[in-house]
Amino acid sequence: MRGGRGWRQWAHLALAVAGLVAVLYAVVLGANPTIWCREQVMQPGQVCSNAQGTKVQTYEERVSAAQWARPVIGVVGVAVTGFALVLWRGGRRNVAA
């Protein structure tokens, strides 16, 4: 039965690492996002329309949306990391018992 618990411990740690990656992304990479429009990097003042041409977004709107997403990504990353560490710790208690 111990073999089954070992991979779970590693899975919990992997989930914690994924949460930390989300936090690091929000803090480091999300601070200066690269804004894309259909495989083309956008520059200030440019606009992007959807494939049907029914909706247009400016570069500034896309940057604003990316900046608003940063705290959400960070909080979700912290929550995932905390949840994974609780699972990991609970799994270690079961192994010791």
PDB file of N, CA and C in Angstrom:
ATOM      1  N   MET A   1       0.831  -1.199   0.000  1.00  0.00           N
ATOM      2  CA  MET A   1       0.000   0.000   0.000  1.00  0.00           C
ATOM      3  C   MET A   1       0.873   1.260   0.000  1.00  0.00           C
ATOM      4  N   ARG A   2       2.080   1.156   0.506  1.00  0.00           N
ATOM      5  CA  ARG A   2       2.972   2.309   0.576  1.00  0.00           C
ATOM      6  C   ARG A   2       3.331   2.830  -0.810  1.00  0.00           C
ATOM      7  N   GLY A   3       3.484   1.944  -1.783  1.00  0.00           N
ATOM      8  CA  GLY A   3       3.831   2.369  -3.137  1.00  0.00           C
ATOM      9  C   GLY A   3       2.804   3.308  -3.744  1.00  0.00           C
ATOM     10  N   GLY A   4       1.536   3.097  -3.451  1.00  0.00           N
ATOM     11  CA  GLY A   4       0.483   3.955  -3.972  1.00  0.00           C
ATOM     12  C   GLY A   4       0.521   5.348  -3.381  1.00  0.00           C
ATOM     13  N   ARG A   5       0.970   5.425  -2.155  1.00  0.00           N
ATOM     14  CA  ARG A   5       1.029   6.744  -1.507  1.00  0.00           C
ATOM     15  C   ARG A   5       2.214   7.565  -2.002  1.00  0.00           C
ATOM     16  N   GLY A   6       3.291   6.904  -2.390  1.00  0.00           N
ATOM     17  CA  GLY A   6       4.485   7.627  -2.840  1.00  0.00           C
ATOM     18  C   GLY A   6       4.225   8.508  -4.051  1.00  0.00           C
ATOM     19  N   TRP A   7       3.520   7.975  -5.038  1.00  0.00           N
ATOM     20  CA  TRP A   7       3.259   8.782  -6.224  1.00  0.00           C
ATOM     21  C   TRP A   7       2.305   9.917  -5.909  1.00  0.00           C
ATOM     22  N   ARG A   8       1.413   9.716  -4.948  1.00  0.00           N
ATOM     23  CA  ARG A   8       0.503  10.801  -4.564  1.00  0.00           C
ATOM     24  C   ARG A   8       1.276  11.948  -3.935  1.00  0.00           C
ATOM     25  N   GLN A   9       2.258  11.619  -3.116  1.00  0.00           N
ATOM     26  CA  GLN A   9       3.080  12.661  -2.491  1.00  0.00           C
ATOM     27  C   GLN A   9       3.763  13.499  -3.570  1.00  0.00           C
ATOM     28  N   TRP A  10       4.306  12.819  -4.577  1.00  0.00           N
ATOM     29  CA  TRP A  10       4.961  13.543  -5.672  1.00  0.00           C
ATOM     30  C   TRP A  10       3.953  14.364  -6.467  1.00  0.00           C
ATOM     31  N   ALA A  11       2.764  13.842  -6.647  1.00  0.00           N
ATOM     32  CA  ALA A  11       1.726  14.594  -7.365  1.00  0.00           C
ATOM     33  C   ALA A  11       1.334  15.850  -6.589  1.00  0.00           C
ATOM     34  N   HIS A  12       1.256  15.738  -5.269  1.00  0.00           N
ATOM     35  CA  HIS A  12       0.924  16.912  -4.445  1.00  0.00           C
ATOM     36  C   HIS A  12       2.023  17.959  -4.548  1.00  0.00           C
ATOM     37  N   LEU A  13       3.273  17.505  -4.511  1.00  0.00           N
ATOM     38  CA  LEU A  13       4.382  18.460  -4.648  1.00  0.00           C
ATOM     39  C   LEU A  13       4.399  19.095  -6.038  1.00  0.00           C
ATOM     40  N   ALA A  14       4.083  18.313  -7.066  1.00  0.00           N
ATOM     41  CA  ALA A  14       4.019  18.866  -8.421  1.00  0.00           C
ATOM     42  C   ALA A  14       2.919  19.916  -8.527  1.00  0.00           C
ATOM     43  N   LEU A  15       1.789  19.676  -7.872  1.00  0.00           N
ATOM     44  CA  LEU A  15       0.704  20.660  -7.865  1.00  0.00           C
ATOM     45  C   LEU A  15       1.143  21.936  -7.141  1.00  0.00           C
ATOM     46  N   ALA A  16       1.888  21.774  -6.050  1.00  0.00           N
ATOM     47  CA  ALA A  16       2.399  22.946  -5.327  1.00  0.00           C
ATOM     48  C   ALA A  16       3.357  23.739  -6.207  1.00  0.00           C
ATOM     49  N   VAL A  17       4.202  23.042  -6.957  1.00  0.00           N
ATOM     50  CA  VAL A  17       5.131  23.731  -7.864  1.00  0.00           C
ATOM     51  C   VAL A  17       4.355  24.476  -8.949  1.00  0.00           C
ATOM     52  N   ALA A  18       3.303  23.867  -9.471  1.00  0.00           N
ATOM     53  CA  ALA A  18       2.478  24.539 -10.479  1.00  0.00           C
ATOM     54  C   ALA A  18       1.860  25.820  -9.913  1.00  0.00           C
ATOM     55  N   GLY A  19       1.418  25.765  -8.660  1.00  0.00           N
ATOM     56  CA  GLY A  19       0.883  26.965  -8.015  1.00  0.00           C
ATOM     57  C   GLY A  19       1.936  28.049  -7.872  1.00  0.00           C
ATOM     58  N   LEU A  20       3.151  27.640  -7.498  1.00  0.00           N
ATOM     59  CA  LEU A  20       4.241  28.611  -7.375  1.00  0.00           C
ATOM     60  C   LEU A  20       4.605  29.221  -8.724  1.00  0.00           C
ATOM     61  N   VAL A  21       4.543  28.425  -9.772  1.00  0.00           N
ATOM     62  CA  VAL A  21       4.810  28.951 -11.116  1.00  0.00           C
ATOM     63  C   VAL A  21       3.771  30.018 -11.476  1.00  0.00           C
ATOM     64  N   ALA A  22       2.519  29.785 -11.127  1.00  0.00           N
ATOM     65  CA  ALA A  22       1.471  30.778 -11.389  1.00  0.00           C
ATOM     66  C   ALA A  22       1.749  32.072 -10.627  1.00  0.00           C
ATOM     67  N   VAL A  23       2.172  31.955  -9.380  1.00  0.00           N
ATOM     68  CA  VAL A  23       2.498  33.150  -8.585  1.00  0.00           C
ATOM     69  C   VAL A  23       3.675  33.886  -9.210  1.00  0.00           C
ATOM     70  N   LEU A  24       4.719  33.160  -9.576  1.00  0.00           N
ATOM     71  CA  LEU A  24       5.885  33.797 -10.193  1.00  0.00           C
ATOM     72  C   LEU A  24       5.516  34.461 -11.516  1.00  0.00           C
ATOM     73  N   TYR A  25       4.651  33.817 -12.284  1.00  0.00           N
ATOM     74  CA  TYR A  25       4.206  34.427 -13.531  1.00  0.00           C
ATOM     75  C   TYR A  25       3.502  35.752 -13.256  1.00  0.00           C
ATOM     76  N   ALA A  26       2.605  35.745 -12.275  1.00  0.00           N
ATOM     77  CA  ALA A  26       1.850  36.958 -11.965  1.00  0.00           C
ATOM     78  C   ALA A  26       2.765  38.087 -11.503  1.00  0.00           C
ATOM     79  N   VAL A  27       3.812  37.735 -10.779  1.00  0.00           N
ATOM     80  CA  VAL A  27       4.697  38.764 -10.230  1.00  0.00           C
ATOM     81  C   VAL A  27       5.746  39.224 -11.248  1.00  0.00           C
ATOM     82  N   VAL A  28       6.333  38.279 -11.977  1.00  0.00           N
ATOM     83  CA  VAL A  28       7.467  38.614 -12.840  1.00  0.00           C
ATOM     84  C   VAL A  28       7.038  38.827 -14.289  1.00  0.00           C
ATOM     85  N   LEU A  29       6.531  37.801 -14.929  1.00  0.00           N
ATOM     86  CA  LEU A  29       6.219  37.903 -16.353  1.00  0.00           C
ATOM     87  C   LEU A  29       4.971  38.733 -16.633  1.00  0.00           C
ATOM     88  N   GLY A  30       4.009  38.690 -15.744  1.00  0.00           N
ATOM     89  CA  GLY A  30       2.785  39.450 -15.947  1.00  0.00           C
ATOM     90  C   GLY A  30       2.971  40.945 -15.793  1.00  0.00           C
ATOM     91  N   ALA A  31       4.092  41.360 -15.232  1.00  0.00           N
ATOM     92  CA  ALA A  31       4.338  42.786 -15.025  1.00  0.00           C
ATOM     93  C   ALA A  31       4.535  43.522 -16.343  1.00  0.00           C
ATOM     94  N   ASN A  32       5.059  42.837 -17.349  1.00  0.00           N
ATOM     95  CA  ASN A  32       5.302  43.463 -18.642  1.00  0.00           C
ATOM     96  C   ASN A  32       4.860  42.487 -19.737  1.00  0.00           C
ATOM     97  N   PRO A  33       3.548  42.351 -19.943  1.00  0.00           N
ATOM     98  CA  PRO A  33       3.061  41.328 -20.873  1.00  0.00           C
ATOM     99  C   PRO A  33       3.320  41.685 -22.330  1.00  0.00           C
ATOM    100  N   THR A  34       3.483  40.643 -23.137  1.00  0.00           N
ATOM    101  CA  THR A  34       3.537  40.810 -24.589  1.00  0.00           C
ATOM    102  C   THR A  34       2.114  40.598 -25.094  1.00  0.00           C
ATOM    103  N   ILE A  35       1.599  41.581 -25.790  1.00  0.00           N
ATOM    104  CA  ILE A  35       0.223  41.541 -26.261  1.00  0.00           C
ATOM    105  C   ILE A  35       0.209  41.038 -27.708  1.00  0.00           C
ATOM    106  N   TRP A  36      -0.587  40.004 -27.935  1.00  0.00           N
ATOM    107  CA  TRP A  36      -0.662  39.369 -29.245  1.00  0.00           C
ATOM    108  C   TRP A  36      -2.030  39.561 -29.881  1.00  0.00           C
ATOM    109  N   CYS A  37      -2.034  39.635 -31.201  1.00  0.00           N
ATOM    110  CA  CYS A  37      -3.265  39.633 -31.989  1.00  0.00           C
ATOM    111  C   CYS A  37      -3.036  38.679 -33.154  1.00  0.00           C
ATOM    112  N   ARG A  38      -3.634  37.507 -33.073  1.00  0.00           N
ATOM    113  CA  ARG A  38      -3.509  36.485 -34.101  1.00  0.00           C
ATOM    114  C   ARG A  38      -2.072  36.322 -34.586  1.00  0.00           C
ATOM    115  N   GLU A  39      -1.223  35.905 -33.703  1.00  0.00           N
ATOM    116  CA  GLU A  39       0.179  35.574 -33.946  1.00  0.00           C
ATOM    117  C   GLU A  39       1.045  36.777 -34.335  1.00  0.00           C
ATOM    118  N   GLN A  40       0.575  37.977 -34.069  1.00  0.00           N
ATOM    119  CA  GLN A  40       1.347  39.183 -34.313  1.00  0.00           C
ATOM    120  C   GLN A  40       1.444  39.968 -33.012  1.00  0.00           C
ATOM    121  N   VAL A  41       2.647  40.408 -32.659  1.00  0.00           N
ATOM    122  CA  VAL A  41       2.826  41.215 -31.458  1.00  0.00           C
ATOM    123  C   VAL A  41       2.263  42.600 -31.725  1.00  0.00           C
ATOM    124  N   MET A  42       1.429  43.066 -30.807  1.00  0.00           N
ATOM    125  CA  MET A  42       0.816  44.392 -30.950  1.00  0.00           C
ATOM    126  C   MET A  42       1.707  45.454 -30.318  1.00  0.00           C
ATOM    127  N   GLN A  43       1.576  46.650 -30.809  1.00  0.00           N
ATOM    128  CA  GLN A  43       2.287  47.820 -30.289  1.00  0.00           C
ATOM    129  C   GLN A  43       1.250  48.848 -29.851  1.00  0.00           C
ATOM    130  N   PRO A  44       1.630  49.787 -28.977  1.00  0.00           N
ATOM    131  CA  PRO A  44       0.685  50.824 -28.553  1.00  0.00           C
ATOM    132  C   PRO A  44       0.060  51.538 -29.754  1.00  0.00           C
ATOM    133  N   GLY A  45      -1.247  51.752 -29.653  1.00  0.00           N
ATOM    134  CA  GLY A  45      -1.984  52.437 -30.704  1.00  0.00           C
ATOM    135  C   GLY A  45      -2.615  51.505 -31.727  1.00  0.00           C
ATOM    136  N   GLN A  46      -2.239  50.233 -31.736  1.00  0.00           N
ATOM    137  CA  GLN A  46      -2.804  49.293 -32.702  1.00  0.00           C
ATOM    138  C   GLN A  46      -4.131  48.740 -32.198  1.00  0.00           C
ATOM    139  N   VAL A  47      -4.923  48.215 -33.132  1.00  0.00           N
ATOM    140  CA  VAL A  47      -6.188  47.571 -32.791  1.00  0.00           C
ATOM    141  C   VAL A  47      -6.181  46.154 -33.339  1.00  0.00           C
ATOM    142  N   CYS A  48      -7.020  45.326 -32.722  1.00  0.00           N
ATOM    143  CA  CYS A  48      -7.142  43.934 -33.128  1.00  0.00           C
ATOM    144  C   CYS A  48      -8.625  43.607 -33.235  1.00  0.00           C
ATOM    145  N   SER A  49      -9.027  43.021 -34.356  1.00  0.00           N
ATOM    146  CA  SER A  49     -10.422  42.609 -34.510  1.00  0.00           C
ATOM    147  C   SER A  49     -10.485  41.089 -34.523  1.00  0.00           C
ATOM    148  N   ASN A  50     -11.633  40.557 -34.119  1.00  0.00           N
ATOM    149  CA  ASN A  50     -11.785  39.102 -34.121  1.00  0.00           C
ATOM    150  C   ASN A  50     -11.908  38.613 -35.559  1.00  0.00           C
ATOM    151  N   ALA A  51     -11.920  37.300 -35.742  1.00  0.00           N
ATOM    152  CA  ALA A  51     -11.921  36.721 -37.087  1.00  0.00           C
ATOM    153  C   ALA A  51     -13.144  37.143 -37.906  1.00  0.00           C
ATOM    154  N   GLN A  52     -14.269  37.351 -37.233  1.00  0.00           N
ATOM    155  CA  GLN A  52     -15.483  37.762 -37.949  1.00  0.00           C
ATOM    156  C   GLN A  52     -15.517  39.275 -38.203  1.00  0.00           C
ATOM    157  N   GLY A  53     -14.640  40.010 -37.538  1.00  0.00           N
ATOM    158  CA  GLY A  53     -14.629  41.460 -37.698  1.00  0.00           C
ATOM    159  C   GLY A  53     -15.718  42.169 -36.930  1.00  0.00           C
ATOM    160  N   THR A  54     -16.334  41.489 -35.959  1.00  0.00           N
ATOM    161  CA  THR A  54     -17.449  42.080 -35.229  1.00  0.00           C
ATOM    162  C   THR A  54     -17.017  42.775 -33.946  1.00  0.00           C
ATOM    163  N   LYS A  55     -15.812  42.475 -33.444  1.00  0.00           N
ATOM    164  CA  LYS A  55     -15.348  43.092 -32.207  1.00  0.00           C
ATOM    165  C   LYS A  55     -13.917  43.575 -32.400  1.00  0.00           C
ATOM    166  N   VAL A  56     -13.661  44.774 -31.904  1.00  0.00           N
ATOM    167  CA  VAL A  56     -12.333  45.369 -32.014  1.00  0.00           C
ATOM    168  C   VAL A  56     -11.850  45.727 -30.622  1.00  0.00           C
ATOM    169  N   GLN A  57     -10.588  45.385 -30.335  1.00  0.00           N
ATOM    170  CA  GLN A  57      -9.948  45.774 -29.082  1.00  0.00           C
ATOM    171  C   GLN A  57      -8.669  46.533 -29.389  1.00  0.00           C
ATOM    172  N   THR A  58      -8.427  47.558 -28.596  1.00  0.00           N
ATOM    173  CA  THR A  58      -7.190  48.309 -28.761  1.00  0.00           C
ATOM    174  C   THR A  58      -6.088  47.641 -27.943  1.00  0.00           C
ATOM    175  N   TYR A  59      -4.865  48.022 -28.245  1.00  0.00           N
ATOM    176  CA  TYR A  59      -3.709  47.536 -27.484  1.00  0.00           C
ATOM    177  C   TYR A  59      -3.884  47.876 -26.011  1.00  0.00           C
ATOM    178  N   GLU A  60      -4.339  49.086 -25.744  1.00  0.00           N
ATOM    179  CA  GLU A  60      -4.505  49.547 -24.373  1.00  0.00           C
ATOM    180  C   GLU A  60      -5.547  48.716 -23.618  1.00  0.00           C
ATOM    181  N   GLU A  61      -6.643  48.345 -24.296  1.00  0.00           N
ATOM    182  CA  GLU A  61      -7.658  47.493 -23.666  1.00  0.00           C
ATOM    183  C   GLU A  61      -7.090  46.123 -23.325  1.00  0.00           C
ATOM    184  N   ARG A  62      -6.284  45.586 -24.211  1.00  0.00           N
ATOM    185  CA  ARG A  62      -5.688  44.268 -23.967  1.00  0.00           C
ATOM    186  C   ARG A  62      -4.657  44.322 -22.840  1.00  0.00           C
ATOM    187  N   VAL A  63      -3.888  45.386 -22.774  1.00  0.00           N
ATOM    188  CA  VAL A  63      -2.923  45.540 -21.673  1.00  0.00           C
ATOM    189  C   VAL A  63      -3.671  45.663 -20.354  1.00  0.00           C
ATOM    190  N   SER A  64      -4.746  46.434 -20.344  1.00  0.00           N
ATOM    191  CA  SER A  64      -5.544  46.597 -19.131  1.00  0.00           C
ATOM    192  C   SER A  64      -6.117  45.264 -18.670  1.00  0.00           C
ATOM    193  N   ALA A  65      -6.623  44.462 -19.608  1.00  0.00           N
ATOM    194  CA  ALA A  65      -7.165  43.146 -19.249  1.00  0.00           C
ATOM    195  C   ALA A  65      -6.074  42.247 -18.674  1.00  0.00           C
ATOM    196  N   ALA A  66      -4.895  42.309 -19.252  1.00  0.00           N
ATOM    197  CA  ALA A  66      -3.782  41.495 -18.749  1.00  0.00           C
ATOM    198  C   ALA A  66      -3.380  41.939 -17.343  1.00  0.00           C
ATOM    199  N   GLN A  67      -3.391  43.234 -17.096  1.00  0.00           N
ATOM    200  CA  GLN A  67      -3.032  43.735 -15.765  1.00  0.00           C
ATOM    201  C   GLN A  67      -4.081  43.360 -14.722  1.00  0.00           C
ATOM    202  N   TRP A  68      -5.355  43.356 -15.105  1.00  0.00           N
ATOM    203  CA  TRP A  68      -6.410  42.954 -14.178  1.00  0.00           C
ATOM    204  C   TRP A  68      -6.336  41.468 -13.865  1.00  0.00           C
ATOM    205  N   ALA A  69      -5.801  40.678 -14.785  1.00  0.00           N
ATOM    206  CA  ALA A  69      -5.700  39.228 -14.571  1.00  0.00           C
ATOM    207  C   ALA A  69      -4.572  38.862 -13.609  1.00  0.00           C
ATOM    208  N   ARG A  70      -3.572  39.701 -13.476  1.00  0.00           N
ATOM    209  CA  ARG A  70      -2.413  39.377 -12.635  1.00  0.00           C
ATOM    210  C   ARG A  70      -2.781  39.020 -11.199  1.00  0.00           C
ATOM    211  N   PRO A  71      -3.562  39.840 -10.479  1.00  0.00           N
ATOM    212  CA  PRO A  71      -3.878  39.465  -9.104  1.00  0.00           C
ATOM    213  C   PRO A  71      -4.714  38.190  -9.015  1.00  0.00           C
ATOM    214  N   VAL A  72      -5.572  37.963 -10.000  1.00  0.00           N
ATOM    215  CA  VAL A  72      -6.383  36.743  -9.994  1.00  0.00           C
ATOM    216  C   VAL A  72      -5.475  35.523 -10.131  1.00  0.00           C
ATOM    217  N   ILE A  73      -4.544  35.580 -11.070  1.00  0.00           N
ATOM    218  CA  ILE A  73      -3.608  34.472 -11.270  1.00  0.00           C
ATOM    219  C   ILE A  73      -2.772  34.258 -10.015  1.00  0.00           C
ATOM    220  N   GLY A  74      -2.316  35.345  -9.397  1.00  0.00           N
ATOM    221  CA  GLY A  74      -1.516  35.230  -8.181  1.00  0.00           C
ATOM    222  C   GLY A  74      -2.282  34.599  -7.029  1.00  0.00           C
ATOM    223  N   VAL A  75      -3.511  35.028  -6.818  1.00  0.00           N
ATOM    224  CA  VAL A  75      -4.316  34.485  -5.714  1.00  0.00           C
ATOM    225  C   VAL A  75      -4.648  33.017  -5.966  1.00  0.00           C
ATOM    226  N   VAL A  76      -5.008  32.681  -7.188  1.00  0.00           N
ATOM    227  CA  VAL A  76      -5.285  31.277  -7.510  1.00  0.00           C
ATOM    228  C   VAL A  76      -4.019  30.439  -7.323  1.00  0.00           C
ATOM    229  N   GLY A  77      -2.875  30.971  -7.707  1.00  0.00           N
ATOM    230  CA  GLY A  77      -1.613  30.252  -7.510  1.00  0.00           C
ATOM    231  C   GLY A  77      -1.317  30.000  -6.047  1.00  0.00           C
ATOM    232  N   VAL A  78      -1.537  31.005  -5.207  1.00  0.00           N
ATOM    233  CA  VAL A  78      -1.329  30.835  -3.759  1.00  0.00           C
ATOM    234  C   VAL A  78      -2.305  29.800  -3.207  1.00  0.00           C
ATOM    235  N   ALA A  79      -3.559  29.853  -3.640  1.00  0.00           N
ATOM    236  CA  ALA A  79      -4.560  28.889  -3.157  1.00  0.00           C
ATOM    237  C   ALA A  79      -4.208  27.467  -3.579  1.00  0.00           C
ATOM    238  N   VAL A  80      -3.788  27.293  -4.814  1.00  0.00           N
ATOM    239  CA  VAL A  80      -3.408  25.958  -5.297  1.00  0.00           C
ATOM    240  C   VAL A  80      -2.199  25.447  -4.533  1.00  0.00           C
ATOM    241  N   THR A  81      -1.215  26.308  -4.307  1.00  0.00           N
ATOM    242  CA  THR A  81      -0.028  25.902  -3.556  1.00  0.00           C
ATOM    243  C   THR A  81      -0.405  25.504  -2.136  1.00  0.00           C
ATOM    244  N   GLY A  82      -1.217  26.307  -1.475  1.00  0.00           N
ATOM    245  CA  GLY A  82      -1.644  25.986  -0.115  1.00  0.00           C
ATOM    246  C   GLY A  82      -2.414  24.684  -0.055  1.00  0.00           C
ATOM    247  N   PHE A  83      -3.333  24.488  -0.996  1.00  0.00           N
ATOM    248  CA  PHE A  83      -4.119  23.256  -1.039  1.00  0.00           C
ATOM    249  C   PHE A  83      -3.216  22.044  -1.249  1.00  0.00           C
ATOM    250  N   ALA A  84      -2.269  22.171  -2.171  1.00  0.00           N
ATOM    251  CA  ALA A  84      -1.361  21.054  -2.444  1.00  0.00           C
ATOM    252  C   ALA A  84      -0.499  20.732  -1.227  1.00  0.00           C
ATOM    253  N   LEU A  85      -0.041  21.746  -0.526  1.00  0.00           N
ATOM    254  CA  LEU A  85       0.782  21.494   0.658  1.00  0.00           C
ATOM    255  C   LEU A  85      -0.029  20.851   1.779  1.00  0.00           C
ATOM    256  N   VAL A  86      -1.297  21.223   1.906  1.00  0.00           N
ATOM    257  CA  VAL A  86      -2.168  20.566   2.889  1.00  0.00           C
ATOM    258  C   VAL A  86      -2.344  19.096   2.520  1.00  0.00           C
ATOM    259  N   LEU A  87      -2.572  18.821   1.243  1.00  0.00           N
ATOM    260  CA  LEU A  87      -2.688  17.429   0.795  1.00  0.00           C
ATOM    261  C   LEU A  87      -1.388  16.663   1.065  1.00  0.00           C
ATOM    262  N   TRP A  88      -0.272  17.289   0.758  1.00  0.00           N
ATOM    263  CA  TRP A  88       1.028  16.642   0.956  1.00  0.00           C
ATOM    264  C   TRP A  88       1.253  16.330   2.433  1.00  0.00           C
ATOM    265  N   ARG A  89       0.954  17.289   3.276  1.00  0.00           N
ATOM    266  CA  ARG A  89       1.150  17.077   4.706  1.00  0.00           C
ATOM    267  C   ARG A  89       0.208  15.991   5.232  1.00  0.00           C
ATOM    268  N   GLY A  90      -1.041  15.991   4.790  1.00  0.00           N
ATOM    269  CA  GLY A  90      -1.988  14.956   5.193  1.00  0.00           C
ATOM    270  C   GLY A  90      -1.544  13.581   4.727  1.00  0.00           C
ATOM    271  N   GLY A  91      -0.976  13.500   3.539  1.00  0.00           N
ATOM    272  CA  GLY A  91      -0.472  12.243   3.033  1.00  0.00           C
ATOM    273  C   GLY A  91       0.713  11.733   3.825  1.00  0.00           C
ATOM    274  N   ARG A  92       1.530  12.643   4.301  1.00  0.00           N
ATOM    275  CA  ARG A  92       2.696  12.229   5.108  1.00  0.00           C
ATOM    276  C   ARG A  92       2.239  11.687   6.450  1.00  0.00           C
ATOM    277  N   ARG A  93       1.188  12.263   7.003  1.00  0.00           N
ATOM    278  CA  ARG A  93       0.674  11.763   8.290  1.00  0.00           C
ATOM    279  C   ARG A  93       0.143  10.347   8.125  1.00  0.00           C
ATOM    280  N   ASN A  94      -0.514  10.071   7.008  1.00  0.00           N
ATOM    281  CA  ASN A  94      -1.051   8.733   6.773  1.00  0.00           C
ATOM    282  C   ASN A  94       0.061   7.707   6.589  1.00  0.00           C
ATOM    283  N   VAL A  95       1.181   8.120   5.985  1.00  0.00           N
ATOM    284  CA  VAL A  95       2.297   7.221   5.782  1.00  0.00           C
ATOM    285  C   VAL A  95       2.912   6.845   7.112  1.00  0.00           C
ATOM    286  N   ALA A  96       3.023   7.818   8.017  1.00  0.00           N
ATOM    287  CA  ALA A  96       3.643   7.577   9.320  1.00  0.00           C
ATOM    288  C   ALA A  96       2.773   6.685  10.194  1.00  0.00           C
ATOM    289  N   ALA A  97       1.471   6.697   9.992  1.00  0.00           N
ATOM    290  CA  ALA A  97       0.550   5.933  10.835  1.00  0.00           C
ATOM    291  C   ALA A  97       0.537   4.465  10.532  1.00  0.00           C
TER     292      ALA A  97
END
